[in-house]
Amino acid sequence: MEKLIRGKAFVVGDNIDTDQIIPAEYLTYDPSDPTERATFGRYAMSGLPIEQSGLPTGGVRFVEEAAFKSLFAFIVAGRNFGCGSSREHAPLAIAQAGVCVVLAESYARIFYRNAVNGGYLLPLESPQRLIDRIATGDELEVDRSVNVVRHLVTGKSWPLRPLGDASDIIAAGGIFPYAQKTGMLKKTATRD
Protein backbone atom coordinates (compact mmCIF):
# COMPACT_ATOMS: atom_id res chain seq x y z
CA MET A 1 0.00 0.00 0.00
CA GLU A 2 1.15 3.50 -0.79
CA LYS A 3 2.98 5.57 1.83
CA LEU A 4 1.02 8.70 0.85
CA ILE A 5 -2.75 8.33 0.39
CA ARG A 6 -5.02 11.22 -0.63
CA GLY A 7 -8.74 11.51 -1.08
CA LYS A 8 -12.09 12.58 0.31
CA ALA A 9 -13.39 11.71 3.76
CA PHE A 10 -16.72 10.12 4.63
CA VAL A 11 -17.44 10.84 8.30
CA VAL A 12 -19.55 8.59 10.54
CA GLY A 13 -20.09 8.46 14.29
CA ASP A 14 -19.50 6.00 17.13
CA ASN A 15 -20.51 2.33 17.23
CA ILE A 16 -20.94 1.82 13.48
CA ASP A 17 -21.78 -1.87 13.33
CA THR A 18 -21.27 -4.48 10.64
CA ASP A 19 -25.00 -4.43 9.76
CA GLN A 20 -24.60 -0.76 8.86
CA ILE A 21 -21.37 -1.48 6.95
CA ILE A 22 -22.88 -4.32 4.87
CA PRO A 23 -26.48 -5.32 5.67
CA ALA A 24 -27.17 -9.07 5.98
CA GLU A 25 -29.43 -9.07 2.90
CA TYR A 26 -26.33 -8.57 0.71
CA LEU A 27 -24.33 -11.45 2.14
CA THR A 28 -25.77 -13.78 -0.50
CA TYR A 29 -23.14 -12.60 -2.99
CA ASP A 30 -20.06 -14.78 -3.44
CA PRO A 31 -16.77 -12.93 -2.75
CA SER A 32 -14.83 -15.53 -4.78
CA ASP A 33 -16.75 -14.56 -7.95
CA PRO A 34 -15.25 -11.29 -9.31
CA THR A 35 -18.59 -9.95 -10.57
CA GLU A 36 -20.38 -10.68 -7.32
CA ARG A 37 -17.40 -9.44 -5.28
CA ALA A 38 -17.77 -5.99 -6.91
CA THR A 39 -21.36 -5.92 -5.71
CA PHE A 40 -20.16 -5.71 -2.10
CA GLY A 41 -18.78 -2.24 -2.92
CA ARG A 42 -22.16 -1.16 -4.25
CA TYR A 43 -23.84 -1.88 -0.92
CA ALA A 44 -21.04 -0.79 1.43
CA MET A 45 -22.27 1.48 4.24
CA SER A 46 -25.82 1.14 2.90
CA GLY A 47 -27.15 0.29 6.36
CA LEU A 48 -26.52 3.84 7.58
CA PRO A 49 -29.69 5.89 8.12
CA ILE A 50 -28.61 8.81 5.90
CA GLU A 51 -32.04 10.45 5.95
CA GLN A 52 -31.74 11.29 9.65
CA SER A 53 -30.54 14.80 10.38
CA GLY A 54 -27.56 15.37 12.60
CA LEU A 55 -25.48 12.48 11.26
CA PRO A 56 -21.83 13.26 10.51
CA THR A 57 -22.39 12.06 6.92
CA GLY A 58 -24.44 15.20 6.28
CA GLY A 59 -27.05 13.12 4.46
CA VAL A 60 -24.51 12.14 1.79
CA ARG A 61 -24.63 8.62 0.37
CA PHE A 62 -21.40 6.63 0.62
CA VAL A 63 -21.96 5.03 -2.80
CA GLU A 64 -24.20 6.83 -5.28
CA GLU A 65 -27.30 5.05 -6.56
CA ALA A 66 -26.42 2.31 -9.11
CA ALA A 67 -22.64 2.86 -8.66
CA PHE A 68 -20.18 0.22 -7.47
CA LYS A 69 -17.48 2.56 -6.20
CA SER A 70 -17.53 5.41 -3.71
CA LEU A 71 -16.04 8.85 -4.22
CA PHE A 72 -14.42 8.51 -0.79
CA ALA A 73 -10.95 7.11 -0.10
CA PHE A 74 -11.31 7.47 3.69
CA ILE A 75 -13.88 6.63 6.31
CA VAL A 76 -13.41 8.72 9.44
CA ALA A 77 -15.15 7.20 12.45
CA GLY A 78 -15.49 7.56 16.18
CA ARG A 79 -15.22 4.82 18.77
CA ASN A 80 -15.86 1.08 18.31
CA PHE A 81 -16.00 1.01 14.50
CA GLY A 82 -17.08 -2.37 13.13
CA CYS A 83 -18.86 -3.64 16.24
CA GLY A 84 -21.64 -6.23 16.01
CA SER A 85 -21.38 -9.54 14.23
CA SER A 86 -18.06 -10.95 13.12
CA ARG A 87 -18.68 -10.77 9.39
CA GLU A 88 -15.48 -10.60 7.40
CA HIS A 89 -17.53 -9.13 4.55
CA ALA A 90 -17.52 -5.74 6.31
CA PRO A 91 -13.92 -4.66 5.54
CA LEU A 92 -14.19 -6.38 2.14
CA ALA A 93 -17.25 -4.28 1.24
CA ILE A 94 -15.52 -1.05 2.23
CA ALA A 95 -12.40 -1.98 0.24
CA GLN A 96 -14.49 -2.99 -2.80
CA ALA A 97 -16.08 0.45 -2.68
CA GLY A 98 -12.61 1.96 -3.10
CA VAL A 99 -11.73 2.96 0.46
CA CYS A 100 -8.04 2.60 1.34
CA VAL A 101 -8.09 3.74 4.96
CA VAL A 102 -10.46 3.79 7.91
CA LEU A 103 -9.44 6.34 10.56
CA ALA A 104 -11.16 5.64 13.87
CA GLU A 105 -10.69 6.32 17.56
CA SER A 106 -11.05 2.60 18.19
CA TYR A 107 -12.20 -0.60 16.49
CA ALA A 108 -14.15 -3.65 17.44
CA ARG A 109 -11.45 -6.31 17.65
CA ILE A 110 -13.04 -8.64 15.10
CA PHE A 111 -13.39 -5.90 12.46
CA TYR A 112 -9.77 -4.86 12.97
CA ARG A 113 -8.52 -8.46 12.64
CA ASN A 114 -10.68 -9.10 9.57
CA ALA A 115 -9.36 -5.92 7.90
CA VAL A 116 -5.75 -6.88 8.64
CA ASN A 117 -6.03 -10.62 7.99
CA GLY A 118 -7.76 -10.06 4.66
CA GLY A 119 -5.28 -7.33 3.69
CA TYR A 120 -8.29 -5.25 2.63
CA LEU A 121 -7.53 -1.79 3.99
CA LEU A 122 -5.61 0.15 6.60
CA PRO A 123 -7.42 0.37 9.94
CA LEU A 124 -5.59 3.33 11.49
CA GLU A 125 -6.30 4.67 14.97
CA SER A 126 -6.26 8.29 16.02
CA PRO A 127 -5.84 9.43 19.62
CA GLN A 128 -7.82 12.55 18.56
CA ARG A 129 -11.58 12.63 17.97
CA LEU A 130 -11.31 13.31 14.25
CA ILE A 131 -15.06 13.23 13.65
CA ASP A 132 -15.21 16.58 15.46
CA ARG A 133 -12.50 18.06 13.22
CA ILE A 134 -13.21 16.60 9.76
CA ALA A 135 -16.40 16.79 7.68
CA THR A 136 -17.70 14.54 4.92
CA GLY A 137 -16.14 15.66 1.64
CA ASP A 138 -12.99 17.16 3.19
CA GLU A 139 -9.76 16.35 1.34
CA LEU A 140 -7.25 14.41 3.46
CA GLU A 141 -3.79 12.98 3.13
CA VAL A 142 -2.40 10.14 5.21
CA ASP A 143 1.38 10.00 5.34
CA ARG A 144 2.28 6.53 6.58
CA SER A 145 5.99 7.36 6.72
CA VAL A 146 5.35 9.69 9.68
CA ASN A 147 1.94 8.32 10.85
CA VAL A 148 -0.03 11.52 10.38
CA VAL A 149 -3.25 12.62 8.70
CA ARG A 150 -3.42 16.10 7.16
CA HIS A 151 -6.42 18.20 6.23
CA LEU A 152 -5.46 19.49 2.78
CA VAL A 153 -7.53 22.70 3.02
CA THR A 154 -6.85 23.87 6.57
CA GLY A 155 -3.33 22.44 6.78
CA LYS A 156 -4.03 20.96 10.21
CA SER A 157 -2.55 17.57 10.97
CA TRP A 158 -3.08 14.91 13.61
CA PRO A 159 -0.91 11.98 14.69
CA LEU A 160 -1.95 8.39 14.09
CA ARG A 161 -0.97 5.32 16.06
CA PRO A 162 1.47 3.04 14.23
CA LEU A 163 0.17 -0.28 12.89
CA GLY A 164 3.00 -2.27 14.43
CA ASP A 165 3.18 -5.91 13.36
CA ALA A 166 -0.12 -5.60 11.49
CA SER A 167 1.70 -3.49 8.90
CA ASP A 168 3.67 -6.50 7.64
CA ILE A 169 0.51 -8.58 7.26
CA ILE A 170 -1.26 -5.82 5.31
CA ALA A 171 1.81 -5.25 3.11
CA ALA A 172 1.88 -8.98 2.27
CA GLY A 173 -1.78 -8.86 1.21
CA GLY A 174 -3.28 -10.63 4.21
CA ILE A 175 -2.55 -13.33 6.76
CA PHE A 176 -2.19 -16.25 4.33
CA PRO A 177 0.26 -14.52 1.97
CA TYR A 178 2.15 -13.30 5.06
CA ALA A 179 2.31 -16.82 6.49
CA GLN A 180 3.61 -18.13 3.16
CA LYS A 181 6.14 -15.33 2.84
CA THR A 182 7.54 -15.91 6.33
CA GLY A 183 7.60 -19.71 5.98
CA MET A 184 4.87 -20.37 8.54
CA LEU A 185 2.73 -21.90 5.79
CA LYS A 186 3.96 -23.74 2.74
CA LYS A 187 2.77 -22.59 -0.65
CA THR A 188 0.40 -25.03 -2.28
CA ALA A 189 0.99 -26.27 -5.79
CA THR A 190 -1.31 -24.91 -8.45
CA ARG A 191 -2.88 -27.03 -11.16
CA ASP A 192 -2.21 -26.19 -14.79
Foldseek 3Di string as FASTA:
>chain_A
DDQKDKAFEQEFEEPAELCQQANPVLPVFDCVDVVSLLVLLVRGSVSDPLVDPPTLRRSDDQHDPPDSAGRGQEYEYEYAPHDDDLDLSRLSNNLSNNHAEYEYQYYDVSNQQSCLQQLRHHYWYFVDNCSVVHGGGFMWMARNVQQKIAGVPVRDIGHIDHPPPSVQSSVLRHDVSSCCVVVVDPDDDDDD
